[in-house]
């Protein structure tokens, strides 16, 4: 799991059927060896641009409801409290 900042929405008019109805966000990773790396994550909890989020990656990213058969590699699973310091 990594911490990142949501920097933008990703819009897609055509996508795999398993991804229809899912919201995608561009997330910039904070800290660690991947600091500054940009990833695309499925947002199932309603995160907004500028919020710090927890992102689950790999096969664990598909453990959220309705993602079991989706080609997903990263999922936003939490929003970090504003007063949390890193």
PDB file of N, CA and C in Angstrom:
ATOM      1  N   UNK A   1       0.854  -1.168   0.000  1.00  0.00           N
ATOM      2  CA  UNK A   1       0.000   0.000   0.000  1.00  0.00           C
ATOM      3  C   UNK A   1       0.901   1.232   0.000  1.00  0.00           C
ATOM      4  N   UNK A   2       0.480   2.266  -0.715  1.00  0.00           N
ATOM      5  CA  UNK A   2       1.252   3.507  -0.793  1.00  0.00           C
ATOM      6  C   UNK A   2       0.342   4.696  -0.492  1.00  0.00           C
ATOM      7  N   UNK A   3       0.973   5.823  -0.178  1.00  0.00           N
ATOM      8  CA  UNK A   3       0.250   7.074   0.029  1.00  0.00           C
ATOM      9  C   UNK A   3       0.528   7.964  -1.172  1.00  0.00           C
ATOM     10  N   UNK A   4      -0.501   8.644  -1.635  1.00  0.00           N
ATOM     11  CA  UNK A   4      -0.329   9.539  -2.763  1.00  0.00           C
ATOM     12  C   UNK A   4      -1.302  10.695  -2.705  1.00  0.00           C
ATOM     13  N   UNK A   5      -1.130  11.621  -3.631  1.00  0.00           N
ATOM     14  CA  UNK A   5      -2.024  12.762  -3.764  1.00  0.00           C
ATOM     15  C   UNK A   5      -2.757  12.651  -5.087  1.00  0.00           C
ATOM     16  N   UNK A   6      -4.083  12.788  -5.048  1.00  0.00           N
ATOM     17  CA  UNK A   6      -4.877  12.761  -6.282  1.00  0.00           C
ATOM     18  C   UNK A   6      -4.608  14.065  -7.025  1.00  0.00           C
ATOM     19  N   UNK A   7      -4.170  13.950  -8.288  1.00  0.00           N
ATOM     20  CA  UNK A   7      -3.844  15.158  -9.036  1.00  0.00           C
ATOM     21  C   UNK A   7      -4.805  15.439 -10.182  1.00  0.00           C
ATOM     22  N   UNK A   8      -5.591  14.445 -10.611  1.00  0.00           N
ATOM     23  CA  UNK A   8      -6.505  14.691 -11.727  1.00  0.00           C
ATOM     24  C   UNK A   8      -7.456  13.524 -11.921  1.00  0.00           C
ATOM     25  N   UNK A   9      -8.538  13.792 -12.656  1.00  0.00           N
ATOM     26  CA  UNK A   9      -9.460  12.747 -13.108  1.00  0.00           C
ATOM     27  C   UNK A   9      -8.939  12.193 -14.425  1.00  0.00           C
ATOM     28  N   UNK A  10      -9.232  10.953 -14.706  1.00  0.00           N
ATOM     29  CA  UNK A  10      -8.907  10.352 -15.993  1.00  0.00           C
ATOM     30  C   UNK A  10     -10.235   9.995 -16.652  1.00  0.00           C
ATOM     31  N   UNK A  11     -10.450  10.523 -17.850  1.00  0.00           N
ATOM     32  CA  UNK A  11     -11.692  10.273 -18.582  1.00  0.00           C
ATOM     33  C   UNK A  11     -11.437   9.272 -19.696  1.00  0.00           C
ATOM     34  N   UNK A  12     -12.352   8.337 -19.871  1.00  0.00           N
ATOM     35  CA  UNK A  12     -12.222   7.343 -20.923  1.00  0.00           C
ATOM     36  C   UNK A  12     -13.600   7.058 -21.492  1.00  0.00           C
ATOM     37  N   UNK A  13     -13.778   7.355 -22.765  1.00  0.00           N
ATOM     38  CA  UNK A  13     -15.089   7.121 -23.377  1.00  0.00           C
ATOM     39  C   UNK A  13     -15.262   5.675 -23.816  1.00  0.00           C
ATOM     40  N   UNK A  14     -14.153   4.984 -24.064  1.00  0.00           N
ATOM     41  CA  UNK A  14     -14.213   3.567 -24.443  1.00  0.00           C
ATOM     42  C   UNK A  14     -13.270   2.802 -23.530  1.00  0.00           C
ATOM     43  N   UNK A  15     -13.781   1.720 -22.941  1.00  0.00           N
ATOM     44  CA  UNK A  15     -12.952   0.902 -22.055  1.00  0.00           C
ATOM     45  C   UNK A  15     -13.522  -0.498 -21.950  1.00  0.00           C
ATOM     46  N   UNK A  16     -12.744  -1.376 -21.353  1.00  0.00           N
ATOM     47  CA  UNK A  16     -13.167  -2.748 -21.138  1.00  0.00           C
ATOM     48  C   UNK A  16     -14.502  -2.767 -20.404  1.00  0.00           C
ATOM     49  N   UNK A  17     -15.347  -3.707 -20.758  1.00  0.00           N
ATOM     50  CA  UNK A  17     -16.689  -3.806 -20.169  1.00  0.00           C
ATOM     51  C   UNK A  17     -16.641  -3.914 -18.644  1.00  0.00           C
ATOM     52  N   UNK A  18     -15.628  -4.574 -18.102  1.00  0.00           N
ATOM     53  CA  UNK A  18     -15.503  -4.733 -16.650  1.00  0.00           C
ATOM     54  C   UNK A  18     -15.177  -3.412 -15.943  1.00  0.00           C
ATOM     55  N   UNK A  19     -14.787  -2.383 -16.713  1.00  0.00           N
ATOM     56  CA  UNK A  19     -14.423  -1.090 -16.130  1.00  0.00           C
ATOM     57  C   UNK A  19     -15.510  -0.039 -16.259  1.00  0.00           C
ATOM     58  N   UNK A  20     -16.603  -0.373 -16.936  1.00  0.00           N
ATOM     59  CA  UNK A  20     -17.696   0.585 -17.131  1.00  0.00           C
ATOM     60  C   UNK A  20     -18.277   0.972 -15.766  1.00  0.00           C
ATOM     61  N   UNK A  21     -18.428   2.262 -15.553  1.00  0.00           N
ATOM     62  CA  UNK A  21     -18.995   2.764 -14.298  1.00  0.00           C
ATOM     63  C   UNK A  21     -17.961   3.065 -13.224  1.00  0.00           C
ATOM     64  N   UNK A  22     -16.696   2.737 -13.477  1.00  0.00           N
ATOM     65  CA  UNK A  22     -15.651   3.013 -12.500  1.00  0.00           C
ATOM     66  C   UNK A  22     -15.010   4.368 -12.769  1.00  0.00           C
ATOM     67  N   UNK A  23     -14.608   5.042 -11.704  1.00  0.00           N
ATOM     68  CA  UNK A  23     -13.973   6.355 -11.788  1.00  0.00           C
ATOM     69  C   UNK A  23     -12.462   6.158 -11.652  1.00  0.00           C
ATOM     70  N   UNK A  24     -11.697   6.797 -12.547  1.00  0.00           N
ATOM     71  CA  UNK A  24     -10.247   6.691 -12.524  1.00  0.00           C
ATOM     72  C   UNK A  24      -9.624   8.017 -12.107  1.00  0.00           C
ATOM     73  N   UNK A  25      -8.553   7.934 -11.308  1.00  0.00           N
ATOM     74  CA  UNK A  25      -7.861   9.120 -10.838  1.00  0.00           C
ATOM     75  C   UNK A  25      -6.361   8.958 -11.056  1.00  0.00           C
ATOM     76  N   UNK A  26      -5.687  10.068 -11.414  1.00  0.00           N
ATOM     77  CA  UNK A  26      -4.234  10.091 -11.485  1.00  0.00           C
ATOM     78  C   UNK A  26      -3.727  10.406 -10.081  1.00  0.00           C
ATOM     79  N   UNK A  27      -2.815   9.585  -9.586  1.00  0.00           N
ATOM     80  CA  UNK A  27      -2.290   9.736  -8.227  1.00  0.00           C
ATOM     81  C   UNK A  27      -0.771   9.829  -8.282  1.00  0.00           C
ATOM     82  N   UNK A  28      -0.210  10.831  -7.582  1.00  0.00           N
ATOM     83  CA  UNK A  28       1.237  10.997  -7.486  1.00  0.00           C
ATOM     84  C   UNK A  28       1.683  10.440  -6.139  1.00  0.00           C
ATOM     85  N   UNK A  29       2.575   9.452  -6.170  1.00  0.00           N
ATOM     86  CA  UNK A  29       3.012   8.777  -4.954  1.00  0.00           C
ATOM     87  C   UNK A  29       3.875   9.703  -4.096  1.00  0.00           C
ATOM     88  N   UNK A  30       3.644   9.631  -2.766  1.00  0.00           N
ATOM     89  CA  UNK A  30       4.397  10.406  -1.783  1.00  0.00           C
ATOM     90  C   UNK A  30       5.301   9.448  -1.015  1.00  0.00           C
ATOM     91  N   UNK A  31       6.600   9.745  -0.953  1.00  0.00           N
ATOM     92  CA  UNK A  31       7.540   8.965  -0.155  1.00  0.00           C
ATOM     93  C   UNK A  31       7.935   7.636  -0.774  1.00  0.00           C
ATOM     94  N   UNK A  32       8.928   7.015  -0.164  1.00  0.00           N
ATOM     95  CA  UNK A  32       9.395   5.708  -0.604  1.00  0.00           C
ATOM     96  C   UNK A  32      10.198   5.759  -1.895  1.00  0.00           C
ATOM     97  N   UNK A  33      10.539   4.594  -2.395  1.00  0.00           N
ATOM     98  CA  UNK A  33      11.375   4.511  -3.598  1.00  0.00           C
ATOM     99  C   UNK A  33      10.652   4.979  -4.852  1.00  0.00           C
ATOM    100  N   UNK A  34       9.322   4.995  -4.828  1.00  0.00           N
ATOM    101  CA  UNK A  34       8.541   5.419  -5.992  1.00  0.00           C
ATOM    102  C   UNK A  34       8.028   6.855  -5.879  1.00  0.00           C
ATOM    103  N   UNK A  35       8.587   7.636  -4.960  1.00  0.00           N
ATOM    104  CA  UNK A  35       8.115   9.015  -4.783  1.00  0.00           C
ATOM    105  C   UNK A  35       8.105   9.777  -6.107  1.00  0.00           C
ATOM    106  N   UNK A  36       6.979  10.457  -6.355  1.00  0.00           N
ATOM    107  CA  UNK A  36       6.832  11.245  -7.576  1.00  0.00           C
ATOM    108  C   UNK A  36       6.270  10.465  -8.754  1.00  0.00           C
ATOM    109  N   UNK A  37       6.239   9.154  -8.655  1.00  0.00           N
ATOM    110  CA  UNK A  37       5.702   8.326  -9.734  1.00  0.00           C
ATOM    111  C   UNK A  37       4.198   8.554  -9.860  1.00  0.00           C
ATOM    112  N   UNK A  38       3.714   8.610 -11.088  1.00  0.00           N
ATOM    113  CA  UNK A  38       2.278   8.763 -11.333  1.00  0.00           C
ATOM    114  C   UNK A  38       1.665   7.407 -11.639  1.00  0.00           C
ATOM    115  N   UNK A  39       0.525   7.125 -11.014  1.00  0.00           N
ATOM    116  CA  UNK A  39      -0.214   5.897 -11.288  1.00  0.00           C
ATOM    117  C   UNK A  39      -1.678   6.247 -11.528  1.00  0.00           C
ATOM    118  N   UNK A  40      -2.379   5.350 -12.175  1.00  0.00           N
ATOM    119  CA  UNK A  40      -3.819   5.492 -12.367  1.00  0.00           C
ATOM    120  C   UNK A  40      -4.487   4.498 -11.430  1.00  0.00           C
ATOM    121  N   UNK A  41      -5.424   4.988 -10.627  1.00  0.00           N
ATOM    122  CA  UNK A  41      -6.100   4.137  -9.649  1.00  0.00           C
ATOM    123  C   UNK A  41      -7.613   4.256  -9.789  1.00  0.00           C
ATOM    124  N   UNK A  42      -8.292   3.142  -9.596  1.00  0.00           N
ATOM    125  CA  UNK A  42      -9.752   3.141  -9.552  1.00  0.00           C
ATOM    126  C   UNK A  42     -10.169   3.749  -8.217  1.00  0.00           C
ATOM    127  N   UNK A  43     -11.141   4.650  -8.244  1.00  0.00           N
ATOM    128  CA  UNK A  43     -11.615   5.304  -7.021  1.00  0.00           C
ATOM    129  C   UNK A  43     -13.002   4.775  -6.682  1.00  0.00           C
ATOM    130  N   UNK A  44     -13.078   3.981  -5.614  1.00  0.00           N
ATOM    131  CA  UNK A  44     -14.365   3.422  -5.192  1.00  0.00           C
ATOM    132  C   UNK A  44     -14.934   4.135  -3.976  1.00  0.00           C
ATOM    133  N   UNK A  45     -14.190   5.144  -3.446  1.00  0.00           N
ATOM    134  CA  UNK A  45     -14.649   5.788  -2.214  1.00  0.00           C
ATOM    135  C   UNK A  45     -14.954   7.272  -2.353  1.00  0.00           C
ATOM    136  N   UNK A  46     -14.746   7.849  -3.530  1.00  0.00           N
ATOM    137  CA  UNK A  46     -15.107   9.247  -3.748  1.00  0.00           C
ATOM    138  C   UNK A  46     -14.037  10.251  -3.380  1.00  0.00           C
ATOM    139  N   UNK A  47     -12.772   9.928  -3.627  1.00  0.00           N
ATOM    140  CA  UNK A  47     -11.687  10.872  -3.356  1.00  0.00           C
ATOM    141  C   UNK A  47     -11.737  12.024  -4.354  1.00  0.00           C
ATOM    142  N   UNK A  48     -11.215  13.159  -3.940  1.00  0.00           N
ATOM    143  CA  UNK A  48     -11.208  14.330  -4.811  1.00  0.00           C
ATOM    144  C   UNK A  48      -9.799  14.803  -5.112  1.00  0.00           C
ATOM    145  N   UNK A  49      -9.688  15.658  -6.105  1.00  0.00           N
ATOM    146  CA  UNK A  49      -8.392  16.210  -6.489  1.00  0.00           C
ATOM    147  C   UNK A  49      -7.808  16.982  -5.306  1.00  0.00           C
ATOM    148  N   UNK A  50      -6.517  16.745  -5.025  1.00  0.00           N
ATOM    149  CA  UNK A  50      -5.830  17.394  -3.921  1.00  0.00           C
ATOM    150  C   UNK A  50      -5.819  16.600  -2.626  1.00  0.00           C
ATOM    151  N   UNK A  51      -6.628  15.558  -2.531  1.00  0.00           N
ATOM    152  CA  UNK A  51      -6.661  14.765  -1.301  1.00  0.00           C
ATOM    153  C   UNK A  51      -5.540  13.741  -1.286  1.00  0.00           C
ATOM    154  N   UNK A  52      -5.036  13.471  -0.073  1.00  0.00           N
ATOM    155  CA  UNK A  52      -4.059  12.397   0.106  1.00  0.00           C
ATOM    156  C   UNK A  52      -4.821  11.106   0.312  1.00  0.00           C
ATOM    157  N   UNK A  53      -4.378  10.057  -0.370  1.00  0.00           N
ATOM    158  CA  UNK A  53      -5.117   8.800  -0.361  1.00  0.00           C
ATOM    159  C   UNK A  53      -4.192   7.611  -0.115  1.00  0.00           C
ATOM    160  N   UNK A  54      -4.787   6.531   0.350  1.00  0.00           N
ATOM    161  CA  UNK A  54      -4.109   5.242   0.459  1.00  0.00           C
ATOM    162  C   UNK A  54      -4.470   4.445  -0.783  1.00  0.00           C
ATOM    163  N   UNK A  55      -3.457   3.881  -1.438  1.00  0.00           N
ATOM    164  CA  UNK A  55      -3.677   3.130  -2.662  1.00  0.00           C
ATOM    165  C   UNK A  55      -3.150   1.713  -2.483  1.00  0.00           C
ATOM    166  N   UNK A  56      -3.993   0.757  -2.755  1.00  0.00           N
ATOM    167  CA  UNK A  56      -3.629  -0.656  -2.728  1.00  0.00           C
ATOM    168  C   UNK A  56      -3.289  -1.062  -4.155  1.00  0.00           C
ATOM    169  N   UNK A  57      -2.185  -1.785  -4.348  1.00  0.00           N
ATOM    170  CA  UNK A  57      -1.750  -2.147  -5.692  1.00  0.00           C
ATOM    171  C   UNK A  57      -1.655  -3.657  -5.866  1.00  0.00           C
ATOM    172  N   UNK A  58      -1.535  -4.078  -7.117  1.00  0.00           N
ATOM    173  CA  UNK A  58      -1.377  -5.491  -7.441  1.00  0.00           C
ATOM    174  C   UNK A  58      -2.684  -6.255  -7.323  1.00  0.00           C
ATOM    175  N   UNK A  59      -2.579  -7.549  -7.081  1.00  0.00           N
ATOM    176  CA  UNK A  59      -3.777  -8.387  -7.030  1.00  0.00           C
ATOM    177  C   UNK A  59      -4.712  -7.987  -5.893  1.00  0.00           C
ATOM    178  N   UNK A  60      -4.184  -7.383  -4.838  1.00  0.00           N
ATOM    179  CA  UNK A  60      -5.020  -6.922  -3.726  1.00  0.00           C
ATOM    180  C   UNK A  60      -5.955  -5.800  -4.147  1.00  0.00           C
ATOM    181  N   UNK A  61      -5.614  -5.077  -5.203  1.00  0.00           N
ATOM    182  CA  UNK A  61      -6.449  -3.971  -5.685  1.00  0.00           C
ATOM    183  C   UNK A  61      -7.792  -4.471  -6.203  1.00  0.00           C
ATOM    184  N   UNK A  62      -7.879  -5.741  -6.569  1.00  0.00           N
ATOM    185  CA  UNK A  62      -9.141  -6.310  -7.083  1.00  0.00           C
ATOM    186  C   UNK A  62      -9.984  -6.952  -5.986  1.00  0.00           C
ATOM    187  N   UNK A  63      -9.607  -6.794  -4.747  1.00  0.00           N
ATOM    188  CA  UNK A  63     -10.361  -7.397  -3.646  1.00  0.00           C
ATOM    189  C   UNK A  63     -11.556  -6.548  -3.218  1.00  0.00           C
ATOM    190  N   UNK A  64     -11.699  -5.372  -3.799  1.00  0.00           N
ATOM    191  CA  UNK A  64     -12.847  -4.515  -3.507  1.00  0.00           C
ATOM    192  C   UNK A  64     -14.079  -5.103  -4.202  1.00  0.00           C
ATOM    193  N   UNK A  65     -15.274  -4.846  -3.671  1.00  0.00           N
ATOM    194  CA  UNK A  65     -16.491  -5.360  -4.309  1.00  0.00           C
ATOM    195  C   UNK A  65     -16.593  -4.931  -5.773  1.00  0.00           C
ATOM    196  N   UNK A  66     -17.024  -5.840  -6.617  1.00  0.00           N
ATOM    197  CA  UNK A  66     -17.249  -5.627  -8.054  1.00  0.00           C
ATOM    198  C   UNK A  66     -15.976  -5.439  -8.870  1.00  0.00           C
ATOM    199  N   UNK A  67     -14.803  -5.698  -8.315  1.00  0.00           N
ATOM    200  CA  UNK A  67     -13.565  -5.566  -9.074  1.00  0.00           C
ATOM    201  C   UNK A  67     -12.861  -6.901  -9.299  1.00  0.00           C
ATOM    202  N   UNK A  68     -13.457  -7.995  -8.848  1.00  0.00           N
ATOM    203  CA  UNK A  68     -12.801  -9.296  -8.891  1.00  0.00           C
ATOM    204  C   UNK A  68     -12.317  -9.684 -10.284  1.00  0.00           C
ATOM    205  N   UNK A  69     -13.069  -9.334 -11.321  1.00  0.00           N
ATOM    206  CA  UNK A  69     -12.714  -9.721 -12.691  1.00  0.00           C
ATOM    207  C   UNK A  69     -12.290  -8.532 -13.549  1.00  0.00           C
ATOM    208  N   UNK A  70     -12.036  -7.401 -12.919  1.00  0.00           N
ATOM    209  CA  UNK A  70     -11.652  -6.194 -13.663  1.00  0.00           C
ATOM    210  C   UNK A  70     -10.131  -6.125 -13.809  1.00  0.00           C
ATOM    211  N   UNK A  71      -9.639  -5.629 -14.944  1.00  0.00           N
ATOM    212  CA  UNK A  71      -8.197  -5.483 -15.141  1.00  0.00           C
ATOM    213  C   UNK A  71      -7.668  -4.239 -14.411  1.00  0.00           C
ATOM    214  N   UNK A  72      -7.608  -4.329 -13.086  1.00  0.00           N
ATOM    215  CA  UNK A  72      -7.243  -3.203 -12.232  1.00  0.00           C
ATOM    216  C   UNK A  72      -5.954  -3.530 -11.487  1.00  0.00           C
ATOM    217  N   UNK A  73      -5.025  -2.570 -11.429  1.00  0.00           N
ATOM    218  CA  UNK A  73      -3.758  -2.768 -10.738  1.00  0.00           C
ATOM    219  C   UNK A  73      -3.593  -1.843  -9.533  1.00  0.00           C
ATOM    220  N   UNK A  74      -4.482  -0.848  -9.381  1.00  0.00           N
ATOM    221  CA  UNK A  74      -4.398   0.075  -8.246  1.00  0.00           C
ATOM    222  C   UNK A  74      -5.795   0.576  -7.898  1.00  0.00           C
ATOM    223  N   UNK A  75      -6.102   0.592  -6.598  1.00  0.00           N
ATOM    224  CA  UNK A  75      -7.411   1.038  -6.121  1.00  0.00           C
ATOM    225  C   UNK A  75      -7.230   1.958  -4.922  1.00  0.00           C
ATOM    226  N   UNK A  76      -7.931   3.093  -4.939  1.00  0.00           N
ATOM    227  CA  UNK A  76      -7.927   3.989  -3.782  1.00  0.00           C
ATOM    228  C   UNK A  76      -8.824   3.363  -2.722  1.00  0.00           C
ATOM    229  N   UNK A  77      -8.244   3.110  -1.535  1.00  0.00           N
ATOM    230  CA  UNK A  77      -8.987   2.428  -0.479  1.00  0.00           C
ATOM    231  C   UNK A  77      -9.192   3.285   0.760  1.00  0.00           C
ATOM    232  N   UNK A  78      -8.621   4.483   0.796  1.00  0.00           N
ATOM    233  CA  UNK A  78      -8.794   5.347   1.959  1.00  0.00           C
ATOM    234  C   UNK A  78      -8.363   6.770   1.664  1.00  0.00           C
ATOM    235  N   UNK A  79      -8.918   7.699   2.431  1.00  0.00           N
ATOM    236  CA  UNK A  79      -8.533   9.108   2.352  1.00  0.00           C
ATOM    237  C   UNK A  79      -7.829   9.448   3.666  1.00  0.00           C
ATOM    238  N   UNK A  80      -6.615  10.022   3.566  1.00  0.00           N
ATOM    239  CA  UNK A  80      -5.810  10.339   4.735  1.00  0.00           C
ATOM    240  C   UNK A  80      -6.309  11.631   5.368  1.00  0.00           C
ATOM    241  N   UNK A  81      -6.442  11.634   6.714  1.00  0.00           N
ATOM    242  CA  UNK A  81      -6.854  12.839   7.441  1.00  0.00           C
ATOM    243  C   UNK A  81      -5.895  13.983   7.152  1.00  0.00           C
ATOM    244  N   UNK A  82      -6.433  15.198   7.077  1.00  0.00           N
ATOM    245  CA  UNK A  82      -5.637  16.379   6.764  1.00  0.00           C
ATOM    246  C   UNK A  82      -4.521  16.644   7.765  1.00  0.00           C
ATOM    247  N   UNK A  83      -4.744  16.333   9.039  1.00  0.00           N
ATOM    248  CA  UNK A  83      -3.755  16.679  10.060  1.00  0.00           C
ATOM    249  C   UNK A  83      -2.666  15.622  10.205  1.00  0.00           C
ATOM    250  N   UNK A  84      -2.673  14.582   9.406  1.00  0.00           N
ATOM    251  CA  UNK A  84      -1.668  13.538   9.451  1.00  0.00           C
ATOM    252  C   UNK A  84      -0.370  14.041   8.810  1.00  0.00           C
ATOM    253  N   UNK A  85       0.753  13.938   9.504  1.00  0.00           N
ATOM    254  CA  UNK A  85       2.052  14.452   9.010  1.00  0.00           C
ATOM    255  C   UNK A  85       2.913  13.318   8.492  1.00  0.00           C
ATOM    256  N   UNK A  86       3.598  13.566   7.359  1.00  0.00           N
ATOM    257  CA  UNK A  86       4.520  12.577   6.793  1.00  0.00           C
ATOM    258  C   UNK A  86       5.857  13.218   6.563  1.00  0.00           C
TER     259      UNK A  86
END
